[in-house]
Amino acid sequence: MVLTSALLVKTYYDTATIPQEASISIISGTALVRGARDRQWSSMSSNDVVKTGDSIMTNESSQVFVRLFDGSTVQVLTASEVRFKRMSLSRKDPEEETIELEVVSGKAHMGVAFPYRREKKFVLDIGTAQVFLSDGSYAVAEDKGASQLRVGPMGYARVVGAEKDAVLLPDQRLRISKDGVLGAPQVSWEEIVFNGDLSQGLNGWQQGGDLSRDGKIRSSIYSVIDADKPAVHFVRTGSKSQHGETYIYQEINRDVSDLSELRLASELRIISHALSGGGYIGSEYPVIVRLNYRTAAGDRTAGYGFYTHNEAGNRTDNGEQVTGEYWIKSVYPANLMALDPPPQKILSIQIGASGWDYESMVRGISLTGK
């Protein structure tokens, strides 16, 4: 009997755990919390803590930053729900940290801390798949009825799916269905623009501006081949110093809040333009690239112009002087996610020309994120 009791005590200490808590900070907006045994959601503040079984829900304008007991972090992004299924320390020696999260909906960033002097099990539940994370950075986002898991520059993920398993290395991504069916690991960089290389002509792009081939002012948009590559050609003549603009645009409507990097690129060739620099108010260029996006503070536009001459000394706000006639790669900020405030959703992209008379071409339009 004594031996049996001693065995029971040992088994208890080997398997028993000590529940842990996590601290929270409200980044923006109003967030809600629901306990494991609660039916109703209640508002939360930065003085609250998260316990095992609790869930956090954000709306379209709120985000929450959670610091776990082991130093790991979770950022619950907008319009998301994350459940903290388990946060515990074992009583055995050496101690084992166990963290299990479920991304019920939406998007979340995870930073998994290095397990100093302890064993760690950090598990992420996505649908019916389980993901085991080592120390590093990760992002999860819903994507057309499934979820996409991204591994940052540091990290290693082992994914146990319904039919097969997979391993994700740094800078890789994986699509996971709600039924636990895994796609193939891919490089993390993902193209967001459709037909940006214009290999399908202007398919996927719409045209806008003062398009006219009648009267004294003639303005047109053409799909052309130049230097053996497809491009879009903007031409305007007969303006007599009257302002005009022509452009192509594409509706994107892509949530990018799960991305850490977002890069815009294209190639351009300016043949001629009559208006110096960026015009009187620094907004008219023979090549203009505009990215329309939504932030927590409202809708914004990032615009970049290119020109070859400025004899009149006009303003060149957000403009870059380039060498004319030859194809060059355009220059944009290295990482659009570093804008303040950062984009949460890309609404549309617009490529065009503006001013008086002009002739220019653009090709290789790319917006990639990871």
Protein backbone atom coordinates (compact mmCIF):
# COMPACT_ATOMS: atom_id res chain seq x y z
CA MET A 1 0.00 0.00 0.00
CA VAL A 2 2.83 2.41 0.86
CA LEU A 3 4.58 1.61 -2.39
CA THR A 4 1.37 2.23 -4.32
CA SER A 5 0.85 5.60 -2.60
CA ALA A 6 4.43 6.62 -3.35
CA LEU A 7 3.94 5.68 -6.98
CA LEU A 8 0.77 7.77 -7.17
CA VAL A 9 2.55 10.78 -5.68
CA LYS A 10 5.41 10.42 -8.18
CA THR A 11 2.93 10.10 -11.04
CA TYR A 12 1.13 13.24 -9.85
CA TYR A 13 4.29 15.32 -9.77
CA ASP A 14 5.42 13.97 -13.14
CA THR A 15 2.14 14.86 -14.86
CA ALA A 16 0.68 17.76 -12.86
CA THR A 17 1.01 21.25 -14.22
CA ILE A 18 0.89 24.78 -12.84
CA PRO A 19 -1.41 27.08 -14.85
CA GLN A 20 0.19 30.30 -16.07
CA GLU A 21 -1.12 33.71 -17.09
CA ALA A 22 -0.28 36.20 -19.84
CA SER A 23 -0.32 39.99 -19.75
CA ILE A 24 -1.99 42.08 -22.44
CA SER A 25 -1.67 45.52 -24.01
CA ILE A 26 -4.38 47.06 -26.16
CA ILE A 27 -2.66 48.39 -29.28
CA SER A 28 -5.76 50.04 -30.74
CA GLY A 29 -9.54 50.00 -30.54
CA THR A 30 -11.73 47.89 -28.28
CA ALA A 31 -11.11 44.17 -27.75
CA LEU A 32 -13.18 41.48 -26.06
CA VAL A 33 -12.32 38.50 -23.86
CA ARG A 34 -14.27 35.37 -22.96
CA GLY A 35 -13.34 32.90 -20.27
CA ALA A 36 -13.35 29.14 -20.75
CA ARG A 37 -16.65 28.78 -18.85
CA ASP A 38 -18.24 32.04 -19.94
CA ARG A 39 -20.93 32.39 -22.56
CA GLN A 40 -20.69 36.14 -22.98
CA TRP A 41 -17.87 38.33 -24.24
CA SER A 42 -16.73 41.28 -22.14
CA SER A 43 -14.49 44.26 -22.89
CA MET A 44 -10.88 44.07 -21.80
CA SER A 45 -8.23 46.61 -20.85
CA SER A 46 -4.45 46.66 -20.71
CA ASN A 47 -4.63 45.84 -16.98
CA ASP A 48 -6.25 42.46 -17.59
CA VAL A 49 -4.56 39.08 -17.84
CA VAL A 50 -5.29 36.09 -20.05
CA LYS A 51 -5.69 32.65 -18.45
CA THR A 52 -5.82 29.13 -19.86
CA GLY A 53 -9.02 28.68 -21.85
CA ASP A 54 -9.58 32.39 -22.46
CA SER A 55 -10.26 33.76 -25.94
CA ILE A 56 -9.50 37.22 -27.32
CA MET A 57 -11.56 38.79 -30.09
CA THR A 58 -10.78 41.96 -32.04
CA ASN A 59 -12.87 43.98 -34.49
CA GLU A 60 -11.95 45.77 -37.71
CA SER A 61 -10.07 48.52 -35.86
CA SER A 62 -8.57 46.80 -32.79
CA GLN A 63 -5.39 44.86 -32.09
CA VAL A 64 -4.04 43.25 -28.92
CA PHE A 65 -0.48 42.43 -27.89
CA VAL A 66 -0.07 39.47 -25.50
CA ARG A 67 3.11 38.63 -23.61
CA LEU A 68 3.17 35.01 -22.43
CA PHE A 69 4.75 33.78 -19.22
CA ASP A 70 7.78 32.36 -21.07
CA GLY A 71 8.59 35.62 -22.89
CA SER A 72 6.85 34.60 -26.12
CA THR A 73 4.46 37.09 -27.71
CA VAL A 74 1.20 36.94 -29.63
CA GLN A 75 -0.25 39.84 -31.58
CA VAL A 76 -3.96 39.38 -32.29
CA LEU A 77 -4.58 41.44 -35.42
CA THR A 78 -7.81 43.07 -36.59
CA ALA A 79 -11.02 41.05 -37.04
CA SER A 80 -9.55 37.96 -35.36
CA GLU A 81 -10.15 35.48 -32.57
CA VAL A 82 -7.42 33.55 -30.75
CA ARG A 83 -8.00 31.02 -27.98
CA PHE A 84 -5.29 30.35 -25.39
CA LYS A 85 -6.04 26.67 -24.86
CA ARG A 86 -3.16 25.90 -22.53
CA MET A 87 -0.42 27.81 -20.71
CA SER A 88 1.33 25.77 -18.07
CA LEU A 89 4.54 24.65 -16.35
CA SER A 90 5.05 21.02 -15.36
CA ARG A 91 6.15 20.08 -11.86
CA LYS A 92 8.75 17.62 -13.05
CA ASP A 93 12.45 18.38 -13.31
CA PRO A 94 13.46 19.77 -15.73
CA GLU A 95 10.37 21.95 -16.01
CA GLU A 96 8.47 21.88 -19.29
CA GLU A 97 6.64 24.87 -20.69
CA THR A 98 3.50 24.08 -22.66
CA ILE A 99 1.64 26.63 -24.73
CA GLU A 100 -1.21 25.73 -27.03
CA LEU A 101 -3.04 28.34 -29.10
CA GLU A 102 -5.92 28.11 -31.53
CA VAL A 103 -6.39 30.72 -34.25
CA VAL A 104 -10.16 30.46 -34.52
CA SER A 105 -10.41 33.13 -37.20
CA GLY A 106 -8.48 36.03 -38.67
CA LYS A 107 -4.79 36.74 -38.26
CA ALA A 108 -2.09 36.56 -35.60
CA HIS A 109 1.67 37.01 -35.25
CA MET A 110 3.66 34.78 -32.89
CA GLY A 111 7.11 35.33 -31.53
CA VAL A 112 8.28 32.13 -29.81
CA ALA A 113 10.96 32.71 -27.17
CA PHE A 114 14.06 30.54 -26.82
CA PRO A 115 13.54 27.88 -24.06
CA TYR A 116 16.23 28.89 -21.55
CA ARG A 117 16.86 26.07 -19.01
CA ARG A 118 13.49 24.49 -19.83
CA GLU A 119 11.87 22.20 -22.32
CA LYS A 120 9.21 23.88 -24.42
CA LYS A 121 6.20 22.71 -26.37
CA PHE A 122 4.56 25.49 -28.37
CA VAL A 123 1.59 24.17 -30.35
CA LEU A 124 -0.61 26.04 -32.78
CA ASP A 125 -3.97 24.56 -33.78
CA ILE A 126 -5.14 25.51 -37.29
CA GLY A 127 -8.34 23.75 -38.23
CA THR A 128 -7.66 20.05 -37.65
CA ALA A 129 -3.91 20.44 -38.17
CA GLN A 130 -1.37 20.90 -35.40
CA VAL A 131 1.76 23.00 -35.81
CA PHE A 132 4.76 22.59 -33.49
CA LEU A 133 6.87 25.76 -33.38
CA SER A 134 10.48 26.25 -32.36
CA ASP A 135 11.82 29.66 -31.29
CA GLY A 136 11.33 32.21 -34.07
CA SER A 137 8.66 34.38 -35.68
CA TYR A 138 5.45 33.22 -37.37
CA ALA A 139 2.23 34.57 -38.88
CA VAL A 140 -1.15 32.96 -39.53
CA ALA A 141 -3.89 34.43 -41.71
CA GLU A 142 -7.17 33.16 -43.10
CA ASP A 143 -7.06 32.93 -46.88
CA LYS A 144 -10.21 32.09 -48.87
CA GLY A 145 -11.60 29.54 -46.44
CA ALA A 146 -8.22 28.11 -45.47
CA SER A 147 -5.26 29.42 -43.46
CA GLN A 148 -1.76 30.35 -44.47
CA LEU A 149 1.15 29.83 -42.11
CA ARG A 150 4.34 31.84 -42.64
CA VAL A 151 7.71 31.31 -41.00
CA GLY A 152 9.82 34.42 -40.53
CA PRO A 153 13.58 34.85 -41.06
CA MET A 154 14.09 32.67 -37.99
CA GLY A 155 11.95 29.69 -37.11
CA TYR A 156 11.12 26.06 -37.80
CA ALA A 157 7.63 24.54 -37.91
CA ARG A 158 6.53 20.91 -38.02
CA VAL A 159 2.96 20.61 -39.32
CA VAL A 160 0.89 17.48 -38.63
CA GLY A 161 -1.96 17.35 -41.13
CA ALA A 162 -4.87 15.02 -41.75
CA GLU A 163 -3.15 13.12 -44.56
CA LYS A 164 0.52 14.04 -44.37
CA ASP A 165 3.04 16.07 -42.40
CA ALA A 166 5.25 18.93 -43.52
CA VAL A 167 8.25 20.90 -42.33
CA LEU A 168 8.57 24.64 -42.86
CA LEU A 169 11.94 26.36 -42.83
CA PRO A 170 12.69 30.10 -42.50
CA ASP A 171 10.97 32.30 -45.10
CA GLN A 172 8.53 29.60 -46.21
CA ARG A 173 4.73 29.50 -46.22
CA LEU A 174 2.14 26.74 -46.26
CA ARG A 175 -1.60 26.65 -46.98
CA ILE A 176 -3.70 24.59 -44.54
CA SER A 177 -7.37 23.77 -45.13
CA LYS A 178 -9.88 23.61 -42.30
CA ASP A 179 -9.87 19.83 -42.76
CA GLY A 180 -6.13 19.71 -42.11
CA VAL A 181 -5.12 19.14 -45.74
CA LEU A 182 -1.70 20.63 -46.37
CA GLY A 183 -0.47 22.31 -49.50
CA ALA A 184 3.14 22.27 -50.62
CA PRO A 185 5.67 24.49 -48.80
CA GLN A 186 6.51 27.56 -50.88
CA VAL A 187 8.86 30.48 -50.63
CA SER A 188 7.45 33.16 -48.38
CA TRP A 189 7.47 35.93 -50.98
CA GLU A 190 4.07 36.09 -52.68
CA GLU A 191 3.01 38.14 -55.71
CA ILE A 192 -0.11 40.19 -55.00
CA VAL A 193 -0.65 41.89 -58.38
CA PHE A 194 -2.36 39.90 -61.15
CA ASN A 195 -0.74 40.02 -64.61
CA GLY A 196 1.86 42.50 -63.45
CA ASP A 197 4.25 41.34 -66.17
CA LEU A 198 1.54 42.26 -68.74
CA SER A 199 2.07 38.95 -70.52
CA GLN A 200 -1.73 38.83 -70.91
CA GLY A 201 -1.92 42.34 -72.28
CA LEU A 202 -4.09 44.54 -70.05
CA ASN A 203 -6.17 41.61 -68.78
CA GLY A 204 -7.02 42.28 -65.13
CA TRP A 205 -6.38 46.02 -65.49
CA GLN A 206 -8.94 48.77 -66.01
CA GLN A 207 -8.29 52.05 -67.81
CA GLY A 208 -9.08 55.53 -66.58
CA GLY A 209 -8.40 59.21 -67.07
CA ASP A 210 -9.14 61.55 -69.97
CA LEU A 211 -8.87 58.98 -72.73
CA SER A 212 -9.67 60.62 -76.05
CA ARG A 213 -8.65 60.24 -79.67
CA ASP A 214 -10.93 62.98 -80.96
CA GLY A 215 -10.41 66.71 -81.15
CA LYS A 216 -7.16 68.56 -80.64
CA ILE A 217 -6.06 66.66 -77.52
CA ARG A 218 -5.33 62.98 -78.13
CA SER A 219 -4.57 60.66 -75.20
CA SER A 220 -4.30 56.89 -75.37
CA ILE A 221 -3.20 53.76 -73.53
CA TYR A 222 -1.69 50.92 -75.59
CA SER A 223 -0.46 47.43 -74.86
CA VAL A 224 2.86 47.16 -76.71
CA ILE A 225 6.01 45.06 -77.03
CA ASP A 226 9.21 47.01 -76.43
CA ALA A 227 12.68 45.46 -76.22
CA ASP A 228 11.00 42.04 -76.59
CA LYS A 229 8.88 42.50 -73.44
CA PRO A 230 5.22 43.49 -73.00
CA ALA A 231 4.52 46.97 -71.62
CA VAL A 232 1.80 49.58 -71.29
CA HIS A 233 2.29 52.74 -73.38
CA PHE A 234 0.89 56.14 -72.29
CA VAL A 235 0.68 58.90 -74.96
CA ARG A 236 -0.84 62.37 -74.84
CA THR A 237 -0.46 65.09 -77.53
CA GLY A 238 -1.99 68.43 -78.49
CA SER A 239 -2.64 69.53 -74.92
CA LYS A 240 -1.45 73.15 -75.31
CA SER A 241 -0.46 73.21 -71.63
CA GLN A 242 -3.76 71.77 -70.41
CA HIS A 243 -3.58 69.20 -67.62
CA GLY A 244 -4.56 65.59 -68.23
CA GLU A 245 -4.00 62.13 -66.80
CA THR A 246 -4.26 58.57 -68.10
CA TYR A 247 -3.75 55.40 -66.09
CA ILE A 248 -4.45 51.74 -65.58
CA TYR A 249 -5.55 50.38 -62.22
CA GLN A 250 -6.31 47.10 -60.50
CA GLU A 251 -8.53 46.45 -57.51
CA ILE A 252 -6.55 44.41 -54.98
CA ASN A 253 -8.58 44.34 -51.74
CA ARG A 254 -6.00 42.16 -50.02
CA ASP A 255 -5.45 42.08 -46.26
CA VAL A 256 -1.72 42.42 -45.62
CA SER A 257 -1.67 42.84 -41.85
CA ASP A 258 -0.06 39.41 -41.48
CA LEU A 259 2.93 40.49 -43.61
CA SER A 260 6.18 41.87 -42.27
CA GLU A 261 7.53 43.08 -45.63
CA LEU A 262 5.80 44.52 -48.68
CA ARG A 263 7.80 45.65 -51.71
CA LEU A 264 6.69 47.52 -54.83
CA ALA A 265 8.67 47.36 -58.07
CA SER A 266 8.33 48.13 -61.76
CA GLU A 267 10.35 49.16 -64.80
CA LEU A 268 9.76 52.42 -66.65
CA ARG A 269 10.84 54.31 -69.72
CA ILE A 270 10.13 58.03 -70.21
CA ILE A 271 10.40 59.13 -73.84
CA SER A 272 9.26 62.74 -73.43
CA HIS A 273 7.20 65.12 -71.28
CA ALA A 274 6.38 68.80 -71.81
CA LEU A 275 5.65 69.79 -68.21
CA SER A 276 8.76 70.31 -66.09
CA GLY A 277 9.31 68.22 -62.95
CA GLY A 278 6.10 67.43 -61.13
CA GLY A 279 4.16 70.50 -62.27
CA TYR A 280 3.12 73.50 -60.21
CA ILE A 281 2.03 71.48 -57.17
CA GLY A 282 4.43 68.54 -57.54
CA SER A 283 1.81 65.95 -58.48
CA GLU A 284 2.03 65.64 -62.31
CA TYR A 285 4.61 63.24 -63.69
CA PRO A 286 5.04 61.31 -66.96
CA VAL A 287 5.08 58.15 -64.82
CA ILE A 288 3.08 57.93 -61.59
CA VAL A 289 2.62 54.89 -59.35
CA ARG A 290 -0.04 55.07 -56.65
CA LEU A 291 -0.83 52.50 -54.00
CA ASN A 292 -4.16 52.97 -52.21
CA TYR A 293 -4.36 51.24 -48.85
CA ARG A 294 -6.25 51.15 -45.55
CA THR A 295 -4.71 51.68 -42.11
CA ALA A 296 -6.03 51.74 -38.57
CA ALA A 297 -6.26 55.53 -38.99
CA GLY A 298 -8.14 55.48 -42.31
CA ASP A 299 -7.47 55.21 -46.04
CA ARG A 300 -4.16 56.50 -47.42
CA THR A 301 -2.36 56.80 -50.75
CA ALA A 302 1.36 56.37 -51.36
CA GLY A 303 2.33 58.07 -54.61
CA TYR A 304 5.66 58.05 -56.46
CA GLY A 305 6.47 60.06 -59.59
CA PHE A 306 9.29 59.96 -62.13
CA TYR A 307 10.51 62.66 -64.52
CA THR A 308 13.54 63.42 -66.72
CA HIS A 309 13.83 67.23 -66.66
CA ASN A 310 12.79 70.25 -64.60
CA GLU A 311 13.92 73.38 -66.44
CA ALA A 312 11.12 75.45 -64.89
CA GLY A 313 12.12 74.47 -61.36
CA ASN A 314 8.70 73.06 -60.48
CA ARG A 315 7.99 71.10 -57.33
CA THR A 316 8.94 67.44 -57.31
CA ASP A 317 7.12 66.11 -54.24
CA ASN A 318 7.71 62.35 -53.97
CA GLY A 319 9.38 62.57 -57.38
CA GLU A 320 12.55 60.96 -58.68
CA GLN A 321 14.57 62.26 -61.63
CA VAL A 322 15.65 59.49 -64.01
CA THR A 323 17.50 59.15 -67.29
CA GLY A 324 15.16 59.38 -70.24
CA GLU A 325 14.54 56.97 -73.11
CA TYR A 326 16.11 53.88 -71.52
CA TRP A 327 14.37 51.23 -69.43
CA ILE A 328 15.22 51.53 -65.74
CA LYS A 329 14.01 49.84 -62.57
CA SER A 330 11.92 52.20 -60.51
CA VAL A 331 12.91 53.13 -56.97
CA TYR A 332 10.42 52.83 -54.10
CA PRO A 333 10.75 52.61 -50.31
CA ALA A 334 12.37 49.34 -49.32
CA ASN A 335 9.46 48.13 -47.19
CA LEU A 336 5.96 49.55 -47.45
CA MET A 337 5.04 47.91 -44.13
CA ALA A 338 7.36 50.48 -42.52
CA LEU A 339 4.95 53.29 -43.47
CA ASP A 340 3.43 55.06 -40.47
CA PRO A 341 0.77 53.88 -39.91
CA PRO A 342 1.41 50.62 -41.78
CA PRO A 343 -1.03 49.23 -44.36
CA GLN A 344 -3.62 46.76 -43.13
CA LYS A 345 -5.30 46.25 -46.49
CA ILE A 346 -4.16 47.05 -50.03
CA LEU A 347 -7.16 48.50 -51.87
CA SER A 348 -5.80 49.12 -55.36
CA ILE A 349 -2.74 49.95 -57.44
CA GLN A 350 -2.65 52.59 -60.16
CA ILE A 351 0.00 53.10 -62.86
CA GLY A 352 -0.21 56.08 -65.17
CA ALA A 353 1.03 59.38 -66.57
CA SER A 354 0.04 62.98 -65.91
CA GLY A 355 0.83 66.47 -67.11
CA TRP A 356 0.60 68.15 -70.55
CA ASP A 357 2.01 66.23 -73.51
CA TYR A 358 3.85 63.05 -72.55
CA GLU A 359 4.97 59.65 -73.78
CA SER A 360 6.07 56.91 -71.38
CA MET A 361 5.96 53.15 -70.81
CA VAL A 362 5.79 50.86 -67.77
CA ARG A 363 6.27 47.10 -67.41
CA GLY A 364 7.13 44.47 -64.76
CA ILE A 365 4.63 45.77 -62.17
CA SER A 366 5.12 43.80 -58.95
CA LEU A 367 3.85 43.98 -55.38
CA THR A 368 5.29 41.17 -53.29
CA GLY A 369 4.92 40.43 -49.59
CA LYS A 370 6.08 37.98 -46.98
